[in-house]
């Protein structure tokens, strides 16, 4: 198993983890729209619908990713990637828990790195650091080591799903 846990519970945000409120919301919404997902911003302090880990983690209901301004960007992208890896007909039934298997979870972690790199103001280097700071745990000790040295099956899964090319880059979406 490549990832043992994302966070044992909704831990306080590490001070160096980038949140949605620190970047342009329009950029995030546009990135999600490329995958037929919608971003729903809830009021500060309000419960986040569909949050598996609890606030401030992102939540999922159907093709909607629910967030607050204090939601960590890595959480938003991780949950969005759970929807992206699913066929559209399965998305409608999703509420809170979107993971189907370990390989899908691993592919989600890799895809979120690529989406982070496509998001102005975030980037893959910051995503590596934020995922490590938040408590993602991998066999090789870091998110970067996992993605670069231990994720061949996840990368192959994403390629087979038509989400990335053989060069491990995102395939163009509208």
N, C-alpha and C. Protein backbone atom coordinates (compact mmCIF):
# COMPACT_ATOMS: atom_id res chain seq x y z
N UNK A 1 0.85 -1.17 0.00
CA UNK A 1 0.00 0.00 0.00
C UNK A 1 0.89 1.24 0.00
N UNK A 2 0.57 2.18 -0.86
CA UNK A 2 1.40 3.37 -1.03
C UNK A 2 1.08 4.48 -0.06
N UNK A 3 -0.17 4.67 0.23
CA UNK A 3 -0.55 5.76 1.14
C UNK A 3 -1.28 5.12 2.31
N UNK A 4 -0.84 5.42 3.51
CA UNK A 4 -1.47 4.79 4.67
C UNK A 4 -2.58 5.64 5.26
N UNK A 5 -2.42 6.94 5.20
CA UNK A 5 -3.47 7.82 5.73
C UNK A 5 -3.22 9.23 5.26
N UNK A 6 -4.27 9.96 5.05
CA UNK A 6 -4.11 11.35 4.67
C UNK A 6 -4.00 12.20 5.93
N UNK A 7 -4.92 12.07 6.83
CA UNK A 7 -4.86 12.75 8.11
C UNK A 7 -5.74 11.96 9.05
N UNK A 8 -5.26 11.72 10.24
CA UNK A 8 -6.03 10.92 11.18
C UNK A 8 -7.35 11.58 11.53
N UNK A 9 -7.35 12.88 11.52
CA UNK A 9 -8.58 13.63 11.79
C UNK A 9 -8.38 15.02 11.23
N UNK A 10 -9.38 15.82 11.34
CA UNK A 10 -9.26 17.19 10.84
C UNK A 10 -8.33 17.97 11.76
N UNK A 11 -7.05 17.93 11.43
CA UNK A 11 -6.04 18.61 12.23
C UNK A 11 -6.04 20.09 11.91
N UNK A 12 -5.54 20.91 12.82
CA UNK A 12 -5.42 22.33 12.50
C UNK A 12 -4.51 22.51 11.29
N UNK A 13 -4.78 23.50 10.49
CA UNK A 13 -3.98 23.75 9.31
C UNK A 13 -2.56 24.10 9.72
N UNK A 14 -1.61 23.40 9.09
CA UNK A 14 -0.21 23.75 9.30
C UNK A 14 -0.01 25.16 8.76
N UNK A 15 0.76 25.99 9.46
CA UNK A 15 0.87 27.39 9.06
C UNK A 15 1.41 27.60 7.65
N UNK A 16 2.10 26.63 7.10
CA UNK A 16 2.68 26.83 5.78
C UNK A 16 1.90 26.14 4.67
N UNK A 17 0.68 25.71 4.94
CA UNK A 17 -0.16 25.06 3.92
C UNK A 17 -1.01 26.12 3.23
N UNK A 18 -0.92 26.17 1.91
CA UNK A 18 -1.66 27.15 1.12
C UNK A 18 -3.15 26.83 1.13
N UNK A 19 -3.97 27.86 1.33
CA UNK A 19 -5.42 27.69 1.36
C UNK A 19 -6.07 28.37 0.15
N UNK A 20 -7.31 28.01 -0.09
CA UNK A 20 -8.06 28.57 -1.20
C UNK A 20 -8.10 30.10 -1.15
N UNK A 21 -8.22 30.66 0.03
CA UNK A 21 -8.31 32.11 0.17
C UNK A 21 -7.05 32.86 -0.24
N UNK A 22 -5.97 32.13 -0.49
CA UNK A 22 -4.70 32.77 -0.84
C UNK A 22 -4.43 32.81 -2.34
N UNK A 23 -5.32 32.25 -3.13
CA UNK A 23 -5.14 32.31 -4.59
C UNK A 23 -6.45 32.75 -5.24
N UNK A 24 -6.40 32.92 -6.54
CA UNK A 24 -7.56 33.41 -7.29
C UNK A 24 -8.61 32.30 -7.45
N UNK A 25 -9.76 32.50 -6.86
CA UNK A 25 -10.85 31.53 -6.91
C UNK A 25 -11.27 31.23 -8.35
N UNK A 26 -11.21 32.22 -9.22
CA UNK A 26 -11.59 32.02 -10.62
C UNK A 26 -10.67 31.00 -11.30
N UNK A 27 -9.39 31.01 -10.96
CA UNK A 27 -8.45 30.03 -11.53
C UNK A 27 -8.82 28.61 -11.11
N UNK A 28 -9.19 28.45 -9.85
CA UNK A 28 -9.57 27.14 -9.34
C UNK A 28 -10.86 26.67 -10.03
N UNK A 29 -11.84 27.54 -10.10
CA UNK A 29 -13.12 27.18 -10.73
C UNK A 29 -12.91 26.81 -12.19
N UNK A 30 -12.05 27.54 -12.89
CA UNK A 30 -11.79 27.24 -14.30
C UNK A 30 -11.09 25.89 -14.46
N UNK A 31 -10.15 25.59 -13.59
CA UNK A 31 -9.46 24.30 -13.65
C UNK A 31 -10.44 23.16 -13.43
N UNK A 32 -11.30 23.28 -12.43
CA UNK A 32 -12.29 22.23 -12.18
C UNK A 32 -13.29 22.10 -13.32
N UNK A 33 -13.67 23.22 -13.90
CA UNK A 33 -14.64 23.20 -15.01
C UNK A 33 -14.10 22.41 -16.20
N UNK A 34 -12.81 22.37 -16.39
CA UNK A 34 -12.22 21.58 -17.48
C UNK A 34 -12.58 20.11 -17.35
N UNK A 35 -12.92 19.69 -16.13
CA UNK A 35 -13.27 18.29 -15.86
C UNK A 35 -14.75 18.14 -15.50
N UNK A 36 -15.54 19.14 -15.89
CA UNK A 36 -16.98 19.13 -15.64
C UNK A 36 -17.32 19.08 -14.14
N UNK A 37 -16.51 19.74 -13.35
CA UNK A 37 -16.76 19.86 -11.92
C UNK A 37 -17.09 21.30 -11.59
N UNK A 38 -17.85 21.47 -10.52
CA UNK A 38 -18.23 22.81 -10.07
C UNK A 38 -17.69 23.05 -8.68
N UNK A 39 -17.22 24.26 -8.43
CA UNK A 39 -16.72 24.66 -7.13
C UNK A 39 -17.83 25.40 -6.40
N UNK A 40 -18.09 25.01 -5.15
CA UNK A 40 -19.10 25.69 -4.33
C UNK A 40 -18.42 26.22 -3.07
N UNK A 41 -18.40 27.53 -2.93
CA UNK A 41 -17.77 28.17 -1.78
C UNK A 41 -18.83 28.39 -0.70
N UNK A 42 -18.56 27.84 0.49
CA UNK A 42 -19.47 28.06 1.62
C UNK A 42 -18.90 29.18 2.49
N UNK A 43 -19.74 29.77 3.30
CA UNK A 43 -19.33 30.88 4.16
C UNK A 43 -18.27 30.45 5.17
N UNK A 44 -17.42 31.40 5.53
CA UNK A 44 -16.41 31.15 6.55
C UNK A 44 -17.08 30.63 7.82
N UNK A 45 -16.53 29.56 8.39
CA UNK A 45 -17.06 28.99 9.61
C UNK A 45 -18.24 28.06 9.44
N UNK A 46 -18.85 28.04 8.26
CA UNK A 46 -19.99 27.16 8.01
C UNK A 46 -19.51 25.73 7.78
N UNK A 47 -20.36 24.75 8.08
CA UNK A 47 -20.00 23.36 7.79
C UNK A 47 -19.77 23.17 6.28
N UNK A 48 -18.85 22.31 5.93
CA UNK A 48 -18.58 22.01 4.52
C UNK A 48 -19.33 20.74 4.16
N UNK A 49 -20.35 20.84 3.31
CA UNK A 49 -21.11 19.65 2.91
C UNK A 49 -20.20 18.61 2.26
N UNK A 50 -20.43 17.35 2.61
CA UNK A 50 -19.72 16.26 1.96
C UNK A 50 -18.26 16.11 2.34
N UNK A 51 -17.82 16.74 3.44
CA UNK A 51 -16.42 16.64 3.86
C UNK A 51 -16.19 15.33 4.61
N UNK A 52 -15.34 14.48 4.08
CA UNK A 52 -15.03 13.19 4.68
C UNK A 52 -14.25 13.36 5.98
N UNK A 53 -13.28 14.27 5.98
CA UNK A 53 -12.40 14.47 7.12
C UNK A 53 -12.90 15.56 8.06
N UNK A 54 -13.92 16.31 7.68
CA UNK A 54 -14.39 17.43 8.49
C UNK A 54 -13.69 18.72 8.11
N UNK A 55 -14.22 19.81 8.60
CA UNK A 55 -13.67 21.12 8.25
C UNK A 55 -12.22 21.24 8.71
N UNK A 56 -11.41 21.90 7.94
CA UNK A 56 -11.69 22.69 6.74
C UNK A 56 -11.52 21.91 5.42
N UNK A 57 -11.49 20.58 5.50
CA UNK A 57 -11.27 19.76 4.30
C UNK A 57 -12.43 19.89 3.31
N UNK A 58 -12.09 19.79 2.04
CA UNK A 58 -13.08 19.89 0.97
C UNK A 58 -14.09 18.75 1.06
N UNK A 59 -15.28 19.00 0.51
CA UNK A 59 -16.33 18.00 0.50
C UNK A 59 -16.82 17.72 -0.92
N UNK A 60 -17.40 16.55 -1.10
CA UNK A 60 -17.91 16.13 -2.41
C UNK A 60 -19.36 15.73 -2.34
N UNK A 61 -20.13 16.24 -3.28
CA UNK A 61 -21.50 15.78 -3.50
C UNK A 61 -21.73 15.87 -4.99
N UNK A 62 -21.90 14.71 -5.63
CA UNK A 62 -22.06 14.69 -7.08
C UNK A 62 -20.83 15.26 -7.76
N UNK A 63 -21.03 16.19 -8.68
CA UNK A 63 -19.89 16.80 -9.38
C UNK A 63 -19.49 18.15 -8.77
N UNK A 64 -19.86 18.35 -7.51
CA UNK A 64 -19.58 19.62 -6.83
C UNK A 64 -18.54 19.41 -5.74
N UNK A 65 -17.52 20.28 -5.74
CA UNK A 65 -16.50 20.28 -4.70
C UNK A 65 -16.81 21.47 -3.78
N UNK A 66 -17.14 21.17 -2.53
CA UNK A 66 -17.51 22.19 -1.55
C UNK A 66 -16.27 22.59 -0.74
N UNK A 67 -16.08 23.89 -0.57
CA UNK A 67 -14.90 24.41 0.11
C UNK A 67 -15.24 25.70 0.86
N UNK A 68 -14.32 26.07 1.74
CA UNK A 68 -14.32 27.40 2.35
C UNK A 68 -12.99 28.06 1.99
N UNK A 69 -12.87 29.32 2.31
CA UNK A 69 -11.61 30.03 2.03
C UNK A 69 -10.44 29.43 2.80
N UNK A 70 -10.70 28.77 3.94
CA UNK A 70 -9.62 28.17 4.72
C UNK A 70 -9.35 26.71 4.35
N UNK A 71 -9.99 26.22 3.31
CA UNK A 71 -9.73 24.86 2.84
C UNK A 71 -8.35 24.79 2.20
N UNK A 72 -7.51 23.84 2.63
CA UNK A 72 -6.21 23.69 1.99
C UNK A 72 -6.36 23.34 0.51
N UNK A 73 -5.53 23.95 -0.31
CA UNK A 73 -5.61 23.68 -1.75
C UNK A 73 -5.37 22.22 -2.07
N UNK A 74 -4.44 21.59 -1.35
CA UNK A 74 -4.18 20.17 -1.64
C UNK A 74 -5.42 19.34 -1.37
N UNK A 75 -6.22 19.70 -0.36
CA UNK A 75 -7.45 18.99 -0.06
C UNK A 75 -8.48 19.18 -1.17
N UNK A 76 -8.64 20.42 -1.59
CA UNK A 76 -9.56 20.72 -2.69
C UNK A 76 -9.21 19.89 -3.93
N UNK A 77 -7.92 19.89 -4.30
CA UNK A 77 -7.51 19.16 -5.50
C UNK A 77 -7.62 17.65 -5.29
N UNK A 78 -7.29 17.17 -4.12
CA UNK A 78 -7.40 15.73 -3.87
C UNK A 78 -8.83 15.25 -4.04
N UNK A 79 -9.75 15.96 -3.42
CA UNK A 79 -11.15 15.56 -3.53
C UNK A 79 -11.66 15.72 -4.97
N UNK A 80 -11.27 16.78 -5.64
CA UNK A 80 -11.65 16.95 -7.05
C UNK A 80 -11.12 15.80 -7.89
N UNK A 81 -9.90 15.39 -7.62
CA UNK A 81 -9.30 14.29 -8.39
C UNK A 81 -10.03 12.98 -8.17
N UNK A 82 -10.59 12.79 -6.98
CA UNK A 82 -11.41 11.60 -6.77
C UNK A 82 -12.56 11.58 -7.77
N UNK A 83 -13.16 12.73 -8.03
CA UNK A 83 -14.24 12.80 -9.01
C UNK A 83 -13.72 12.66 -10.43
N UNK A 84 -12.60 13.27 -10.71
CA UNK A 84 -12.03 13.24 -12.07
C UNK A 84 -11.72 11.82 -12.51
N UNK A 85 -11.21 11.00 -11.61
CA UNK A 85 -10.84 9.63 -12.00
C UNK A 85 -12.05 8.73 -12.19
N UNK A 86 -13.20 9.17 -11.75
CA UNK A 86 -14.42 8.37 -11.90
C UNK A 86 -15.08 8.61 -13.25
N UNK A 87 -15.71 7.58 -13.80
CA UNK A 87 -16.53 7.83 -14.99
C UNK A 87 -17.69 8.75 -14.62
N UNK A 88 -18.12 9.62 -15.54
CA UNK A 88 -19.19 10.58 -15.23
C UNK A 88 -20.44 9.95 -14.63
N UNK A 89 -20.80 8.76 -15.05
CA UNK A 89 -22.02 8.14 -14.52
C UNK A 89 -21.89 7.78 -13.04
N UNK A 90 -20.68 7.60 -12.52
CA UNK A 90 -20.50 7.30 -11.10
C UNK A 90 -20.46 8.56 -10.25
N UNK A 91 -20.14 9.69 -10.85
CA UNK A 91 -20.02 10.93 -10.08
C UNK A 91 -21.34 11.31 -9.40
N UNK A 92 -22.43 11.13 -10.10
CA UNK A 92 -23.74 11.56 -9.58
C UNK A 92 -24.07 10.91 -8.24
N UNK A 93 -23.56 9.70 -8.00
CA UNK A 93 -23.87 8.98 -6.76
C UNK A 93 -22.92 9.31 -5.62
N UNK A 94 -21.91 10.10 -5.87
CA UNK A 94 -20.90 10.38 -4.84
C UNK A 94 -21.44 11.35 -3.80
N UNK A 95 -21.23 10.98 -2.57
CA UNK A 95 -21.52 11.86 -1.45
C UNK A 95 -20.51 11.55 -0.35
N UNK A 96 -19.58 12.45 -0.14
CA UNK A 96 -18.58 12.41 0.92
C UNK A 96 -17.41 11.47 0.64
N UNK A 97 -17.65 10.19 0.37
CA UNK A 97 -16.57 9.21 0.18
C UNK A 97 -16.54 8.75 -1.26
N UNK A 98 -15.47 9.13 -1.97
CA UNK A 98 -15.40 8.80 -3.39
C UNK A 98 -14.41 7.70 -3.71
N UNK A 99 -13.63 7.25 -2.74
CA UNK A 99 -12.59 6.28 -3.03
C UNK A 99 -13.16 4.88 -3.18
N UNK A 100 -12.69 4.20 -4.21
CA UNK A 100 -13.17 2.85 -4.49
C UNK A 100 -12.13 1.78 -4.16
N UNK A 101 -10.84 2.13 -4.31
CA UNK A 101 -9.78 1.16 -4.07
C UNK A 101 -8.45 1.88 -3.85
N UNK A 102 -7.45 1.15 -3.40
CA UNK A 102 -6.16 1.75 -3.11
C UNK A 102 -5.51 2.32 -4.37
N UNK A 103 -5.61 1.62 -5.49
CA UNK A 103 -4.99 2.12 -6.71
C UNK A 103 -5.64 3.42 -7.16
N UNK A 104 -6.94 3.53 -7.01
CA UNK A 104 -7.63 4.79 -7.33
C UNK A 104 -7.16 5.90 -6.40
N UNK A 105 -6.97 5.59 -5.13
CA UNK A 105 -6.46 6.58 -4.16
C UNK A 105 -5.06 7.03 -4.57
N UNK A 106 -4.22 6.09 -4.95
CA UNK A 106 -2.85 6.42 -5.37
C UNK A 106 -2.86 7.29 -6.63
N UNK A 107 -3.72 6.93 -7.59
CA UNK A 107 -3.82 7.72 -8.82
C UNK A 107 -4.31 9.13 -8.52
N UNK A 108 -5.22 9.24 -7.56
CA UNK A 108 -5.72 10.55 -7.15
C UNK A 108 -4.59 11.42 -6.61
N UNK A 109 -3.72 10.84 -5.81
CA UNK A 109 -2.58 11.59 -5.26
C UNK A 109 -1.66 12.09 -6.37
N UNK A 110 -1.41 11.26 -7.38
CA UNK A 110 -0.55 11.69 -8.49
C UNK A 110 -1.23 12.77 -9.32
N UNK A 111 -2.50 12.57 -9.61
CA UNK A 111 -3.23 13.54 -10.42
C UNK A 111 -3.31 14.89 -9.72
N UNK A 112 -3.47 14.90 -8.40
CA UNK A 112 -3.56 16.18 -7.70
C UNK A 112 -2.25 16.96 -7.82
N UNK A 113 -1.13 16.27 -7.93
CA UNK A 113 0.15 16.95 -8.14
C UNK A 113 0.18 17.65 -9.49
N UNK A 114 -0.33 16.97 -10.51
CA UNK A 114 -0.35 17.57 -11.85
C UNK A 114 -1.31 18.75 -11.91
N UNK A 115 -2.45 18.63 -11.25
CA UNK A 115 -3.39 19.76 -11.23
C UNK A 115 -2.82 20.93 -10.44
N UNK A 116 -2.09 20.63 -9.37
CA UNK A 116 -1.43 21.70 -8.61
C UNK A 116 -0.48 22.47 -9.50
N UNK A 117 0.22 21.75 -10.36
CA UNK A 117 1.17 22.39 -11.26
C UNK A 117 0.46 23.23 -12.33
N UNK A 118 -0.79 22.90 -12.62
CA UNK A 118 -1.57 23.64 -13.62
C UNK A 118 -2.32 24.82 -13.00
N UNK A 119 -2.24 24.97 -11.69
CA UNK A 119 -2.98 26.01 -10.99
C UNK A 119 -2.07 27.19 -10.64
N UNK A 120 -2.30 28.34 -11.27
CA UNK A 120 -1.47 29.52 -10.96
C UNK A 120 -1.48 29.81 -9.45
N UNK A 121 -0.31 30.03 -8.90
CA UNK A 121 -0.19 30.33 -7.48
C UNK A 121 0.02 29.13 -6.60
N UNK A 122 0.00 27.92 -7.16
CA UNK A 122 0.22 26.72 -6.36
C UNK A 122 1.49 26.03 -6.86
N UNK A 123 1.40 25.13 -7.81
CA UNK A 123 2.57 24.46 -8.37
C UNK A 123 2.91 23.16 -7.66
N UNK A 124 3.63 22.31 -8.37
CA UNK A 124 3.93 20.97 -7.86
C UNK A 124 4.87 21.01 -6.66
N UNK A 125 5.83 21.90 -6.66
CA UNK A 125 6.76 21.98 -5.52
C UNK A 125 6.02 22.32 -4.23
N UNK A 126 5.12 23.27 -4.31
CA UNK A 126 4.33 23.64 -3.13
C UNK A 126 3.40 22.50 -2.74
N UNK A 127 2.85 21.80 -3.72
CA UNK A 127 1.97 20.66 -3.44
C UNK A 127 2.74 19.56 -2.70
N UNK A 128 3.97 19.25 -3.14
CA UNK A 128 4.79 18.27 -2.42
C UNK A 128 4.92 18.67 -0.96
N UNK A 129 5.32 19.92 -0.73
CA UNK A 129 5.55 20.41 0.63
C UNK A 129 4.27 20.39 1.47
N UNK A 130 3.17 20.85 0.88
CA UNK A 130 1.91 20.92 1.62
C UNK A 130 1.38 19.53 1.96
N UNK A 131 1.48 18.60 1.03
CA UNK A 131 1.02 17.24 1.30
C UNK A 131 1.85 16.60 2.42
N UNK A 132 3.16 16.82 2.39
CA UNK A 132 4.01 16.29 3.46
C UNK A 132 3.67 16.95 4.80
N UNK A 133 3.50 18.26 4.79
CA UNK A 133 3.19 18.99 6.03
C UNK A 133 1.85 18.57 6.62
N UNK A 134 0.90 18.25 5.76
CA UNK A 134 -0.45 17.91 6.22
C UNK A 134 -0.52 16.50 6.79
N UNK A 135 0.42 15.64 6.38
CA UNK A 135 0.44 14.30 6.96
C UNK A 135 0.17 13.16 6.00
N UNK A 136 0.20 13.41 4.69
CA UNK A 136 0.13 12.29 3.76
C UNK A 136 1.36 11.42 4.04
N UNK A 137 1.19 10.12 4.12
CA UNK A 137 2.32 9.24 4.42
C UNK A 137 2.50 8.22 3.30
N UNK A 138 3.72 8.10 2.87
CA UNK A 138 4.08 7.17 1.80
C UNK A 138 5.25 6.31 2.23
N UNK A 139 5.37 5.13 1.63
CA UNK A 139 6.44 4.19 1.97
C UNK A 139 7.83 4.79 1.94
N UNK A 140 8.10 5.61 0.94
CA UNK A 140 9.44 6.16 0.78
C UNK A 140 9.67 7.44 1.58
N UNK A 141 8.67 7.86 2.34
CA UNK A 141 8.86 8.95 3.28
C UNK A 141 8.43 10.34 2.84
N UNK A 142 8.16 10.54 1.55
CA UNK A 142 7.71 11.86 1.11
C UNK A 142 6.84 11.73 -0.13
N UNK A 143 6.08 12.77 -0.36
CA UNK A 143 5.22 12.81 -1.55
C UNK A 143 6.06 12.78 -2.82
N UNK A 144 7.14 13.55 -2.85
CA UNK A 144 8.00 13.57 -4.03
C UNK A 144 8.59 12.18 -4.31
N UNK A 145 9.12 11.53 -3.29
CA UNK A 145 9.70 10.20 -3.49
C UNK A 145 8.64 9.23 -4.01
N UNK A 146 7.44 9.32 -3.46
CA UNK A 146 6.36 8.46 -3.95
C UNK A 146 6.10 8.71 -5.43
N UNK A 147 5.86 9.95 -5.79
CA UNK A 147 5.50 10.29 -7.17
C UNK A 147 6.61 9.93 -8.16
N UNK A 148 7.84 10.14 -7.76
CA UNK A 148 8.96 9.92 -8.68
C UNK A 148 9.48 8.50 -8.70
N UNK A 149 9.31 7.74 -7.58
CA UNK A 149 9.97 6.44 -7.50
C UNK A 149 9.06 5.26 -7.17
N UNK A 150 7.83 5.50 -6.74
CA UNK A 150 7.02 4.41 -6.21
C UNK A 150 5.58 4.40 -6.74
N UNK A 151 5.31 5.18 -7.76
CA UNK A 151 3.92 5.33 -8.20
C UNK A 151 3.68 4.83 -9.62
N UNK A 152 4.50 3.92 -10.11
CA UNK A 152 4.34 3.46 -11.50
C UNK A 152 2.94 2.95 -11.79
N UNK A 153 2.37 2.18 -10.88
CA UNK A 153 1.02 1.64 -11.09
C UNK A 153 -0.02 2.76 -11.15
N UNK A 154 0.15 3.78 -10.32
CA UNK A 154 -0.79 4.91 -10.32
C UNK A 154 -0.67 5.70 -11.62
N UNK A 155 0.56 5.96 -12.06
CA UNK A 155 0.74 6.68 -13.33
C UNK A 155 0.15 5.88 -14.49
N UNK A 156 0.34 4.56 -14.49
CA UNK A 156 -0.22 3.71 -15.55
C UNK A 156 -1.75 3.75 -15.51
N UNK A 157 -2.31 3.76 -14.31
CA UNK A 157 -3.76 3.83 -14.15
C UNK A 157 -4.30 5.12 -14.76
N UNK A 158 -3.61 6.24 -14.49
CA UNK A 158 -4.04 7.53 -15.04
C UNK A 158 -3.91 7.56 -16.56
N UNK A 159 -2.86 6.95 -17.09
CA UNK A 159 -2.69 6.88 -18.55
C UNK A 159 -3.78 6.03 -19.17
N UNK A 160 -4.07 4.88 -18.56
CA UNK A 160 -5.13 3.99 -19.07
C UNK A 160 -6.49 4.68 -19.03
N UNK A 161 -6.68 5.57 -18.06
CA UNK A 161 -7.94 6.31 -17.93
C UNK A 161 -8.02 7.49 -18.90
N UNK A 162 -6.93 7.74 -19.64
CA UNK A 162 -6.92 8.84 -20.61
C UNK A 162 -6.74 10.21 -19.99
N UNK A 163 -6.21 10.26 -18.77
CA UNK A 163 -6.04 11.54 -18.09
C UNK A 163 -4.64 12.13 -18.29
N UNK A 164 -3.66 11.27 -18.52
CA UNK A 164 -2.29 11.73 -18.76
C UNK A 164 -1.72 11.00 -19.97
N UNK A 165 -0.67 11.60 -20.53
CA UNK A 165 0.03 10.97 -21.63
C UNK A 165 1.18 10.11 -21.12
N UNK A 166 1.91 9.47 -22.04
CA UNK A 166 3.03 8.62 -21.64
C UNK A 166 4.15 9.40 -20.95
N UNK A 167 4.17 10.71 -21.11
CA UNK A 167 5.17 11.56 -20.47
C UNK A 167 4.74 12.02 -19.07
N UNK A 168 3.62 11.47 -18.57
CA UNK A 168 3.06 11.81 -17.26
C UNK A 168 2.62 13.27 -17.17
N UNK A 169 2.18 13.81 -18.28
CA UNK A 169 1.63 15.17 -18.30
C UNK A 169 0.13 15.08 -18.55
N UNK A 170 -0.58 16.08 -18.02
CA UNK A 170 -2.03 16.13 -18.23
C UNK A 170 -2.35 16.20 -19.72
N UNK A 171 -3.35 15.45 -20.12
CA UNK A 171 -3.85 15.60 -21.48
C UNK A 171 -4.78 16.80 -21.51
N UNK A 172 -4.79 17.49 -22.63
CA UNK A 172 -5.58 18.72 -22.77
C UNK A 172 -7.05 18.44 -22.53
N UNK A 173 -7.67 19.31 -21.79
CA UNK A 173 -9.12 19.30 -21.56
C UNK A 173 -9.61 20.69 -21.91
N UNK A 174 -10.75 20.77 -22.52
CA UNK A 174 -11.32 22.03 -22.99
C UNK A 174 -10.64 23.22 -22.48
